[in-house]
N, C-alpha and C. Protein backbone atom coordinates (compact mmCIF):
# COMPACT_ATOMS: atom_id res chain seq x y z
N MET A 1 127.79 116.81 120.46
CA MET A 1 128.16 116.57 121.71
C MET A 1 130.21 116.77 121.43
N ASP A 2 130.41 116.45 120.48
CA ASP A 2 131.96 116.46 120.58
C ASP A 2 132.34 118.14 120.71
N TYR A 3 131.54 118.88 119.74
CA TYR A 3 131.86 120.10 119.30
C TYR A 3 131.43 121.03 120.62
N ILE A 4 130.63 121.00 121.59
CA ILE A 4 130.57 121.52 122.69
C ILE A 4 131.69 120.99 123.69
N PHE A 5 131.99 119.72 123.37
CA PHE A 5 133.15 119.12 124.42
C PHE A 5 134.53 119.73 124.00
N GLY A 6 134.69 120.02 122.83
CA GLY A 6 135.68 120.54 122.55
C GLY A 6 135.92 122.23 122.47
N SER A 7 135.04 122.96 122.52
CA SER A 7 134.96 123.86 122.56
C SER A 7 134.90 124.52 124.26
N THR A 8 134.50 123.67 125.04
CA THR A 8 134.55 123.97 126.67
C THR A 8 136.10 123.83 126.93
N LEU A 9 136.74 123.02 126.27
CA LEU A 9 138.18 122.28 126.88
C LEU A 9 139.16 123.69 126.48
N GLN A 10 138.74 124.26 125.31
CA GLN A 10 139.48 125.34 125.07
C GLN A 10 140.08 126.61 126.24
N HIS A 11 138.81 126.33 127.42
CA HIS A 11 138.85 127.26 128.43
C HIS A 11 139.47 126.50 129.45
N VAL A 12 139.71 125.04 129.56
CA VAL A 12 140.60 124.60 130.57
C VAL A 12 141.87 124.35 130.64
N LEU A 13 142.46 124.82 131.71
CA LEU A 13 143.84 124.90 131.84
C LEU A 13 144.70 124.03 131.95
N VAL A 14 143.95 123.01 132.58
CA VAL A 14 145.10 122.01 133.67
C VAL A 14 144.78 120.54 132.63
N PRO A 15 146.10 120.10 132.49
CA PRO A 15 146.54 119.18 131.83
C PRO A 15 145.38 117.46 132.11
N LEU A 16 145.13 117.43 132.88
CA LEU A 16 144.71 116.19 133.44
C LEU A 16 142.82 116.47 133.71
N ILE A 17 142.18 115.51 132.97
CA ILE A 17 140.71 116.18 132.59
C ILE A 17 139.82 114.78 132.63
N VAL A 18 139.01 114.72 133.82
CA VAL A 18 137.89 113.60 134.07
C VAL A 18 136.56 113.95 133.32
N ILE A 19 136.44 113.32 132.58
CA ILE A 19 135.35 113.39 131.60
C ILE A 19 133.94 112.78 132.38
N SER A 20 132.87 113.03 133.03
CA SER A 20 131.94 112.07 133.51
C SER A 20 130.70 112.31 132.43
N TYR A 21 130.55 111.32 131.99
CA TYR A 21 129.37 111.38 131.06
C TYR A 21 128.54 109.83 130.92
N ASP A 22 127.25 109.91 131.02
CA ASP A 22 126.61 108.78 131.16
C ASP A 22 126.81 107.60 130.30
N ILE A 23 127.13 107.84 128.94
CA ILE A 23 127.27 107.10 128.28
C ILE A 23 129.48 107.16 127.29
N ALA A 24 130.10 107.51 128.60
CA ALA A 24 131.19 107.44 128.48
C ALA A 24 132.08 106.29 127.77
N CYS A 25 131.45 105.24 128.26
CA CYS A 25 132.11 104.04 127.36
C CYS A 25 131.82 103.96 126.19
N GLN A 26 130.75 104.58 125.60
CA GLN A 26 130.30 104.33 124.16
C GLN A 26 131.09 105.70 123.19
N TRP A 27 130.68 106.91 123.88
CA TRP A 27 131.35 108.26 123.32
C TRP A 27 132.88 108.06 123.25
N PHE A 28 133.72 107.64 124.52
CA PHE A 28 134.80 108.11 124.49
C PHE A 28 135.62 107.15 123.38
N THR A 29 135.01 105.77 123.19
CA THR A 29 136.04 104.68 122.34
C THR A 29 136.34 105.31 121.21
N ASN A 30 135.80 106.16 120.33
CA ASN A 30 136.28 106.37 119.02
C ASN A 30 136.70 108.01 119.19
N LEU A 31 136.80 108.43 120.36
CA LEU A 31 137.21 109.78 120.36
C LEU A 31 137.88 110.70 119.82
N PHE A 32 139.57 109.79 119.91
CA PHE A 32 140.62 110.29 119.01
C PHE A 32 140.43 110.20 117.18
N LYS A 33 140.15 109.16 117.06
CA LYS A 33 139.68 108.87 115.55
C LYS A 33 138.61 109.89 115.02
N ARG A 34 137.80 110.65 115.98
CA ARG A 34 136.82 111.43 115.39
C ARG A 34 137.61 112.91 115.80
N ILE A 35 138.25 113.26 116.53
CA ILE A 35 139.02 114.40 116.73
C ILE A 35 140.21 114.45 115.41
N ASP A 36 140.51 113.19 114.95
CA ASP A 36 141.82 113.46 113.74
C ASP A 36 141.21 113.76 112.52
N SER A 37 139.82 113.36 112.31
CA SER A 37 139.25 113.21 111.22
C SER A 37 138.49 114.41 110.97
N HIS A 38 137.80 114.87 111.79
CA HIS A 38 136.35 115.80 112.16
C HIS A 38 136.68 117.13 112.84
N TRP A 39 137.43 116.93 113.83
CA TRP A 39 137.34 118.37 114.46
C TRP A 39 138.07 119.64 113.99
N PRO A 40 137.57 120.83 113.77
CA PRO A 40 138.08 121.80 112.96
C PRO A 40 139.21 122.21 114.25
N GLN A 41 140.31 123.07 113.76
CA GLN A 41 141.64 123.20 114.27
C GLN A 41 141.33 124.14 115.41
N GLU A 42 140.28 124.99 115.37
CA GLU A 42 140.04 125.81 117.24
C GLU A 42 139.61 125.06 117.85
N ILE A 43 139.01 124.14 118.05
CA ILE A 43 138.80 123.17 119.23
C ILE A 43 139.88 121.78 119.66
N LEU A 44 140.76 121.89 118.54
CA LEU A 44 141.55 121.01 119.21
C LEU A 44 142.01 120.57 120.60
N LEU A 45 142.43 119.65 121.20
CA LEU A 45 143.12 119.39 122.29
C LEU A 45 144.46 120.18 122.40
N ARG A 46 144.42 120.88 123.84
CA ARG A 46 145.95 121.42 123.86
C ARG A 46 147.13 120.21 123.92
N PRO A 47 148.50 120.44 123.54
CA PRO A 47 149.61 119.47 123.67
C PRO A 47 149.69 119.19 125.08
N GLY A 48 149.48 117.94 125.35
CA GLY A 48 149.93 117.00 126.60
C GLY A 48 148.44 116.89 127.84
N THR A 49 147.25 117.17 126.96
CA THR A 49 146.37 116.71 127.72
C THR A 49 145.99 115.51 127.78
N GLN A 50 145.62 115.04 128.88
CA GLN A 50 145.38 113.87 129.10
C GLN A 50 143.68 113.56 129.83
N LEU A 51 142.98 112.69 128.82
CA LEU A 51 141.39 112.77 129.15
C LEU A 51 141.17 111.27 129.85
N THR A 52 140.40 111.22 130.92
CA THR A 52 140.11 110.05 131.46
C THR A 52 138.56 110.35 131.57
N PRO A 53 137.57 109.22 131.12
CA PRO A 53 136.25 109.05 130.96
C PRO A 53 135.92 107.99 132.20
N ALA A 54 134.86 108.61 132.65
CA ALA A 54 134.37 107.98 133.58
C ALA A 54 132.56 107.89 133.88
N ILE A 55 132.25 107.03 134.47
CA ILE A 55 130.88 106.85 134.24
C ILE A 55 130.11 107.12 135.78
N PRO A 56 129.16 108.31 135.79
CA PRO A 56 128.54 108.67 137.10
C PRO A 56 128.44 107.55 138.10
N LYS A 57 128.80 107.57 138.97
CA LYS A 57 128.31 106.47 139.97
C LYS A 57 126.97 106.00 140.02
N LEU A 58 125.72 106.72 140.07
CA LEU A 58 124.63 106.00 139.77
C LEU A 58 124.22 105.21 138.58
N HIS A 59 124.66 105.87 137.29
CA HIS A 59 124.59 105.50 136.20
C HIS A 59 125.71 104.10 135.97
N GLU A 60 126.57 104.09 136.31
CA GLU A 60 127.97 102.84 136.41
C GLU A 60 127.11 101.52 136.18
N PRO A 61 126.63 101.10 137.79
CA PRO A 61 126.18 99.82 137.88
C PRO A 61 124.98 99.28 136.46
N MET A 62 124.62 100.18 135.83
CA MET A 62 123.27 99.65 134.94
C MET A 62 124.07 99.67 133.45
N HIS A 63 125.62 99.56 133.28
CA HIS A 63 125.96 99.15 132.13
C HIS A 63 125.89 97.78 132.14
N GLN A 64 126.21 97.27 133.19
CA GLN A 64 126.18 95.55 133.04
C GLN A 64 127.30 95.23 131.96
N THR A 65 128.60 96.07 131.82
CA THR A 65 129.38 95.32 131.12
C THR A 65 130.71 94.71 131.73
N ALA A 66 130.95 93.82 131.33
CA ALA A 66 132.40 93.17 131.87
C ALA A 66 133.51 93.82 131.76
N ASN A 67 134.03 94.06 132.85
CA ASN A 67 135.63 94.94 132.53
C ASN A 67 135.22 96.43 132.29
N HIS A 68 134.22 96.70 133.09
CA HIS A 68 133.65 98.14 132.96
C HIS A 68 134.74 98.62 133.96
N GLN A 69 135.50 98.44 134.72
CA GLN A 69 135.80 99.03 135.87
C GLN A 69 136.71 100.15 135.42
N GLY A 70 136.96 100.39 134.42
CA GLY A 70 137.75 101.43 134.08
C GLY A 70 137.36 102.85 133.86
N TYR A 71 136.03 102.66 133.77
CA TYR A 71 134.85 103.66 133.90
C TYR A 71 134.39 104.05 135.16
N SER A 72 134.62 103.40 136.23
CA SER A 72 134.30 103.42 137.31
C SER A 72 135.05 104.73 138.37
N LEU A 73 134.22 105.23 138.97
CA LEU A 73 134.98 106.25 139.79
C LEU A 73 135.50 105.95 141.07
N ASN A 74 135.10 104.79 141.28
CA ASN A 74 135.58 103.99 142.93
C ASN A 74 137.45 103.63 142.19
N TYR A 75 137.80 103.46 140.92
CA TYR A 75 139.27 102.95 140.67
C TYR A 75 139.89 104.38 139.84
N ILE A 76 139.53 105.45 140.24
CA ILE A 76 140.34 106.35 139.11
C ILE A 76 141.02 107.49 140.26
N PRO A 77 142.34 107.33 139.89
CA PRO A 77 143.34 107.88 141.60
C PRO A 77 142.88 109.63 141.25
N GLY A 78 142.69 110.03 142.30
CA GLY A 78 142.54 111.33 142.54
C GLY A 78 141.17 112.13 142.18
N VAL A 79 140.09 111.16 142.44
CA VAL A 79 138.56 111.79 142.22
C VAL A 79 137.83 111.72 143.69
N GLY A 80 138.74 111.00 144.67
CA GLY A 80 138.24 111.09 145.96
C GLY A 80 136.61 110.41 145.78
N LEU A 81 135.82 110.98 146.67
CA LEU A 81 134.53 110.56 146.68
C LEU A 81 133.45 111.33 145.65
N SER A 82 133.90 111.49 144.77
CA SER A 82 133.07 112.30 143.73
C SER A 82 132.35 111.30 143.33
N ASP A 83 130.86 111.69 143.01
CA ASP A 83 129.81 110.35 142.12
C ASP A 83 129.62 111.08 141.01
N CYS A 84 129.97 112.71 140.49
CA CYS A 84 129.57 113.28 139.47
C CYS A 84 128.25 113.28 139.00
N GLU A 85 127.37 113.15 139.83
CA GLU A 85 126.15 113.22 139.72
C GLU A 85 125.68 114.41 139.68
N CYS A 86 126.33 115.18 140.02
CA CYS A 86 125.95 116.84 140.05
C CYS A 86 124.65 117.28 139.39
N PRO A 87 124.88 117.25 138.02
CA PRO A 87 123.83 117.52 137.02
C PRO A 87 122.83 117.31 137.27
N GLU A 88 122.61 116.09 137.70
CA GLU A 88 121.41 115.33 137.90
C GLU A 88 120.54 115.59 139.02
N ARG A 89 121.57 116.36 140.09
CA ARG A 89 120.53 116.78 141.25
C ARG A 89 119.64 117.97 140.90
N VAL A 90 119.83 118.53 139.89
CA VAL A 90 119.42 120.09 140.05
C VAL A 90 117.66 119.38 139.58
N TRP A 91 117.68 118.22 138.97
CA TRP A 91 116.27 118.17 138.47
C TRP A 91 115.18 117.50 139.23
N GLY A 92 115.61 116.79 140.22
CA GLY A 92 114.57 116.58 140.98
C GLY A 92 113.63 117.70 141.83
N PRO A 93 114.75 118.72 142.63
CA PRO A 93 113.59 119.67 143.22
C PRO A 93 112.89 120.73 142.46
N HIS A 94 113.34 120.74 140.90
CA HIS A 94 112.74 121.32 140.10
C HIS A 94 111.31 120.60 139.14
N ASN A 95 111.20 119.44 139.58
CA ASN A 95 110.30 118.79 138.70
C ASN A 95 109.23 119.33 138.80
N ILE A 96 108.49 119.85 139.91
CA ILE A 96 107.29 120.54 139.99
C ILE A 96 107.27 121.76 139.07
N LEU A 97 108.34 122.41 138.90
CA LEU A 97 108.07 123.66 137.86
C LEU A 97 107.48 123.11 136.70
N GLY A 98 107.64 122.21 135.98
CA GLY A 98 107.07 121.87 135.04
C GLY A 98 105.66 121.71 134.91
N ASN A 99 105.18 121.43 136.05
CA ASN A 99 103.53 121.28 136.19
C ASN A 99 103.00 123.20 136.45
N ALA A 100 103.88 123.74 137.47
CA ALA A 100 103.51 125.00 137.84
C ALA A 100 103.60 125.81 136.85
N THR A 101 104.58 125.60 135.89
CA THR A 101 104.50 126.57 134.48
C THR A 101 104.15 126.24 132.91
N LYS A 102 103.36 125.52 133.13
CA LYS A 102 103.04 124.57 132.14
C LYS A 102 101.75 125.51 131.24
N THR A 103 101.10 126.55 132.25
CA THR A 103 100.08 127.21 131.45
C THR A 103 100.55 128.63 131.22
N GLN A 104 102.10 129.08 131.47
CA GLN A 104 102.45 130.38 131.04
C GLN A 104 103.18 130.28 129.47
N GLY A 105 103.32 131.19 129.13
CA GLY A 105 103.78 131.81 127.83
C GLY A 105 105.24 131.51 128.19
N PRO A 106 105.83 131.06 126.83
CA PRO A 106 107.36 131.11 126.76
C PRO A 106 107.71 132.08 127.44
N GLY A 107 107.96 133.62 126.91
CA GLY A 107 108.74 134.26 127.86
C GLY A 107 108.57 134.12 129.74
N SER A 108 107.44 134.21 130.01
CA SER A 108 107.36 134.13 131.30
C SER A 108 107.70 132.93 132.23
N ARG A 109 107.33 131.56 131.11
CA ARG A 109 108.07 130.47 131.74
C ARG A 109 109.37 130.40 131.88
N GLN A 110 110.22 130.87 130.68
CA GLN A 110 111.76 130.93 130.84
C GLN A 110 112.07 131.80 131.81
N ASP A 111 111.31 133.12 132.25
CA ASP A 111 111.77 133.88 133.28
C ASP A 111 111.93 133.07 134.70
N VAL A 112 110.58 132.46 134.75
CA VAL A 112 110.64 131.62 136.34
C VAL A 112 111.75 130.15 136.25
N LEU A 113 111.94 130.10 135.13
CA LEU A 113 112.85 128.83 135.20
C LEU A 113 114.28 129.54 135.37
N ASP A 114 114.46 130.34 134.84
CA ASP A 114 115.90 131.58 134.97
C ASP A 114 115.93 131.43 136.58
N ASP A 115 114.77 132.18 137.03
CA ASP A 115 114.66 132.41 138.51
C ASP A 115 115.02 131.32 139.37
N HIS A 116 114.57 130.31 139.18
CA HIS A 116 114.46 129.24 140.22
C HIS A 116 115.91 128.60 140.02
N PHE A 117 116.56 128.41 138.48
CA PHE A 117 117.82 127.84 138.30
C PHE A 117 119.26 128.88 139.23
N GLY A 118 118.64 130.18 138.83
CA GLY A 118 119.69 130.87 139.69
C GLY A 118 119.34 131.08 141.01
N TYR A 119 118.57 130.91 141.72
CA TYR A 119 118.55 130.67 142.95
C TYR A 119 119.39 129.32 143.33
N TRP A 120 118.95 128.54 142.96
CA TRP A 120 119.88 127.28 142.94
C TRP A 120 121.21 127.13 142.95
N ASN A 121 121.72 128.06 141.92
CA ASN A 121 122.97 128.03 141.77
C ASN A 121 123.70 128.83 142.77
N TRP A 122 122.73 130.21 142.97
CA TRP A 122 123.39 131.19 144.22
C TRP A 122 123.54 130.17 145.40
N CYS A 123 122.51 129.63 146.03
CA CYS A 123 122.51 128.35 147.65
C CYS A 123 123.53 127.99 147.15
N LYS A 124 123.97 126.95 145.82
CA LYS A 124 125.27 126.45 146.23
C LYS A 124 126.65 127.02 146.13
N TYR A 125 126.45 128.19 145.43
CA TYR A 125 127.83 129.09 145.57
C TYR A 125 127.93 129.47 147.05
N ILE A 126 126.88 129.94 147.73
CA ILE A 126 127.38 130.58 149.12
C ILE A 126 127.64 129.51 149.88
N SER A 127 127.42 128.31 149.43
CA SER A 127 127.72 127.42 150.19
C SER A 127 128.77 126.48 150.30
N LEU A 128 129.53 126.72 149.27
CA LEU A 128 130.66 126.37 148.91
C LEU A 128 131.88 126.09 150.19
N GLY A 129 132.04 127.22 150.50
CA GLY A 129 133.00 127.38 151.91
C GLY A 129 132.62 126.30 153.13
N PRO A 130 131.46 126.35 153.33
CA PRO A 130 131.31 125.61 154.42
C PRO A 130 130.96 123.85 153.95
N THR A 131 130.46 123.57 152.90
CA THR A 131 130.66 122.38 152.31
C THR A 131 131.97 121.62 152.24
N LEU A 132 133.00 122.63 151.69
CA LEU A 132 133.75 122.11 151.45
C LEU A 132 134.90 121.72 152.70
N LEU A 133 135.02 122.80 153.52
CA LEU A 133 135.42 122.38 154.91
C LEU A 133 134.91 120.97 155.62
N ARG A 134 133.64 121.24 155.36
CA ARG A 134 133.14 119.67 155.98
C ARG A 134 133.55 118.33 155.38
N ARG A 135 133.78 118.52 154.34
CA ARG A 135 134.02 117.28 152.92
C ARG A 135 135.62 116.97 153.31
N TYR A 136 136.12 118.25 153.67
CA TYR A 136 137.74 118.21 153.52
C TYR A 136 137.86 117.10 155.16
N ARG A 137 137.38 117.88 156.31
CA ARG A 137 137.21 116.98 157.52
C ARG A 137 137.25 115.81 157.63
N SER A 138 135.91 115.35 156.99
CA SER A 138 135.40 113.93 156.56
C SER A 138 136.26 113.32 155.78
N ALA A 139 137.06 113.44 154.59
CA ALA A 139 137.71 113.01 153.80
C ALA A 139 139.44 112.71 154.65
N VAL A 140 139.60 113.70 155.70
CA VAL A 140 140.99 113.38 156.14
C VAL A 140 140.71 112.33 157.24
N ALA A 141 139.61 112.04 158.03
CA ALA A 141 139.48 111.20 158.95
C ALA A 141 139.17 109.69 158.05
N ASP A 142 138.45 109.62 156.99
CA ASP A 142 138.35 108.46 156.40
C ASP A 142 139.56 108.17 155.88
N ARG A 143 140.35 108.95 155.46
CA ARG A 143 141.51 108.32 154.74
C ARG A 143 142.61 107.68 156.11
N ASN A 144 142.72 108.57 157.23
CA ASN A 144 143.20 107.95 158.17
C ASN A 144 142.95 106.33 158.64
N ILE A 145 141.20 105.99 158.36
CA ILE A 145 141.15 104.88 158.76
C ILE A 145 141.21 103.73 157.60
N GLN A 146 141.33 104.20 156.42
CA GLN A 146 141.54 103.47 155.07
C GLN A 146 143.06 103.40 155.44
N ARG A 147 143.64 104.05 155.56
CA ARG A 147 145.26 103.53 155.56
C ARG A 147 145.65 102.58 156.77
N GLU A 148 144.93 102.66 157.90
CA GLU A 148 145.21 102.12 158.89
C GLU A 148 144.69 100.64 158.38
N GLY A 149 143.50 100.04 157.98
CA GLY A 149 143.04 99.02 157.72
C GLY A 149 143.98 98.51 156.31
N HIS A 150 144.43 99.44 155.58
CA HIS A 150 144.83 98.95 154.61
C HIS A 150 146.51 98.34 155.08
N ARG A 151 146.74 99.21 155.97
CA ARG A 151 148.21 98.56 156.37
C ARG A 151 148.08 97.38 157.14
N SER A 152 147.41 97.20 157.89
CA SER A 152 146.87 95.97 158.84
C SER A 152 146.61 94.96 158.42
N LEU A 153 145.81 94.90 157.06
CA LEU A 153 145.71 93.95 156.19
C LEU A 153 147.06 93.50 155.49
N SER A 154 147.69 94.54 154.80
CA SER A 154 148.93 94.21 154.30
C SER A 154 149.70 93.58 154.92
N GLU A 155 149.95 93.69 156.11
CA GLU A 155 150.96 93.32 157.33
C GLU A 155 150.67 91.63 157.58
N SER A 156 149.04 91.48 157.40
CA SER A 156 148.92 90.12 157.56
C SER A 156 149.08 89.18 156.53
N LEU A 157 149.20 89.74 155.14
CA LEU A 157 149.32 89.06 154.18
C LEU A 157 151.19 88.75 153.74
N GLU A 158 151.40 87.82 152.99
CA GLU A 158 152.83 87.68 152.21
C GLU A 158 152.80 88.76 151.76
N LYS A 159 154.34 88.86 151.82
CA LYS A 159 154.97 90.40 151.43
C LYS A 159 155.41 90.44 150.09
N ASP A 160 155.58 89.24 149.52
CA ASP A 160 155.79 89.60 148.12
C ASP A 160 154.31 89.38 147.12
N GLN A 161 153.45 88.80 147.79
CA GLN A 161 151.96 88.70 147.07
C GLN A 161 151.33 90.27 147.10
N VAL A 162 151.40 91.05 148.12
CA VAL A 162 151.18 92.13 148.26
C VAL A 162 151.71 93.25 147.34
N GLU A 163 152.97 92.98 147.22
CA GLU A 163 153.94 93.95 146.18
C GLU A 163 153.65 93.44 144.68
N LYS A 164 153.12 91.92 144.71
CA LYS A 164 152.67 91.82 143.17
C LYS A 164 151.43 92.37 142.85
N TRP A 165 150.49 92.32 144.10
CA TRP A 165 149.11 93.11 143.89
C TRP A 165 149.13 94.87 143.57
N GLU A 166 150.02 95.51 144.58
CA GLU A 166 150.19 96.78 144.46
C GLU A 166 150.87 97.05 142.80
N LYS A 167 151.66 96.42 142.63
CA LYS A 167 152.55 96.60 141.36
C LYS A 167 151.17 96.52 140.19
N MET A 168 150.47 95.59 140.42
CA MET A 168 149.31 95.27 139.32
C MET A 168 148.26 96.42 139.04
N CYS A 169 148.29 96.91 140.15
CA CYS A 169 147.03 98.18 140.69
C CYS A 169 148.05 99.60 139.86
N THR A 170 149.03 99.61 140.38
CA THR A 170 149.66 100.82 139.81
C THR A 170 150.05 100.87 138.25
N GLU A 171 149.92 99.62 137.92
CA GLU A 171 150.12 99.63 136.21
C GLU A 171 149.28 99.98 135.57
N TRP A 172 147.79 99.31 136.15
CA TRP A 172 146.52 99.20 135.53
C TRP A 172 146.05 100.69 135.80
N GLU A 173 146.35 101.49 136.99
CA GLU A 173 145.47 102.71 137.07
C GLU A 173 146.53 103.85 136.07
N GLY A 174 147.96 103.43 136.13
CA GLY A 174 148.50 104.63 135.22
C GLY A 174 148.63 104.78 133.79
N GLN A 175 147.46 103.47 133.33
CA GLN A 175 147.46 103.46 131.69
C GLN A 175 146.62 104.53 131.27
N ILE A 176 146.55 105.09 130.23
CA ILE A 176 145.63 106.31 129.30
C ILE A 176 144.51 105.36 128.79
N HIS A 177 143.35 105.26 128.73
CA HIS A 177 142.31 104.55 128.01
C HIS A 177 142.74 104.63 126.60
N PRO A 178 142.49 103.16 125.79
CA PRO A 178 142.04 102.05 126.29
C PRO A 178 142.92 101.32 127.10
N LYS A 179 142.69 100.93 128.16
CA LYS A 179 143.39 100.21 129.19
C LYS A 179 143.71 98.36 128.81
N THR A 180 145.24 98.00 128.53
CA THR A 180 145.25 97.11 127.79
C THR A 180 146.00 95.88 128.97
N LYS A 181 146.36 96.66 130.17
CA LYS A 181 146.96 95.81 131.33
C LYS A 181 146.07 95.10 131.76
N LYS A 182 146.10 93.50 132.51
CA LYS A 182 145.66 93.27 133.56
C LYS A 182 144.74 93.83 134.66
N ASN A 183 143.03 93.84 134.69
CA ASN A 183 142.78 94.72 135.42
C ASN A 183 142.34 94.00 136.78
N PRO A 184 143.07 94.36 137.64
CA PRO A 184 143.04 93.66 139.05
C PRO A 184 141.87 93.76 139.77
N TYR A 185 140.75 94.48 139.43
CA TYR A 185 139.56 94.85 139.94
C TYR A 185 138.34 94.09 139.26
N GLU A 186 138.74 93.19 138.18
CA GLU A 186 137.75 92.43 137.81
C GLU A 186 137.63 90.98 138.42
N THR A 187 136.42 91.11 138.91
CA THR A 187 135.95 89.53 139.41
C THR A 187 135.65 88.54 138.30
N GLU A 188 136.20 87.54 138.02
CA GLU A 188 136.02 86.48 137.07
C GLU A 188 134.88 85.53 137.83
N GLY A 189 133.78 85.11 136.62
CA GLY A 189 132.72 84.66 137.13
C GLY A 189 131.75 84.79 137.72
N VAL A 190 131.87 86.16 138.22
CA VAL A 190 130.80 87.01 138.83
C VAL A 190 129.72 87.62 138.20
N SER A 191 128.67 87.84 138.24
CA SER A 191 127.44 87.98 137.29
C SER A 191 126.59 89.11 137.62
N THR A 192 126.45 90.42 137.05
CA THR A 192 125.56 91.28 137.83
C THR A 192 124.04 90.77 137.97
N LEU A 193 123.58 91.01 139.13
CA LEU A 193 122.07 90.57 139.03
C LEU A 193 121.28 91.94 139.49
N THR A 194 120.40 92.02 138.23
CA THR A 194 119.67 93.39 138.27
C THR A 194 118.30 92.84 139.10
N VAL A 195 117.54 94.06 138.96
CA VAL A 195 116.07 94.17 139.94
C VAL A 195 115.27 93.15 138.92
N VAL A 196 115.38 93.13 137.84
CA VAL A 196 114.34 92.23 136.85
C VAL A 196 114.64 91.08 137.11
N ASP A 197 116.46 90.41 137.26
CA ASP A 197 116.82 89.38 137.46
C ASP A 197 115.72 88.59 138.82
N ALA A 198 116.04 89.46 139.85
CA ALA A 198 115.46 88.97 141.36
C ALA A 198 114.03 89.07 141.52
N TRP A 199 113.42 89.30 140.28
CA TRP A 199 111.95 89.33 140.39
C TRP A 199 111.63 87.94 139.53
N LYS A 200 112.82 87.45 138.65
CA LYS A 200 112.11 86.46 138.15
C LYS A 200 111.83 85.32 138.54
């Protein structure tokens, strides 16, 4: 995983990178130790590269780990409404291919899978313009609603308390992992209720 990740980053020219990975909380923990001790010179990070780990939105609630908000896309500045589940979406519509291609030889099966995934990618590519325009319009409208809601709520509270909360949020969001400042999003005494717990 590290070698694939490091090799990919050689083609990324932006300094701020959000890494979405189902087990980012485990994989990212000792990443910089592994970089220092094991990574070959040709895949080392460019100077000034800042990595922000995230767990995709569908996977994040399943971790049930206290103080896990640092990996939540809901609290990472700049990601908007990204859910980072795109790599998972391709499998649902293509599950039927497993049964449809199981009797084919390896070459034919590979060709059929390539054709289906190629068509999927082509459909995504040609729909990028309309999709991005639709999402941009929706984001602008949502932003305006959220700004007004934040403004009216902030005005109803004590000014010094609002400033204190905003400072806490800014300090916490501005940290590079691992985050050491007080987490303003952590709810003390609230446990996660799973489906299994509900059925007990």
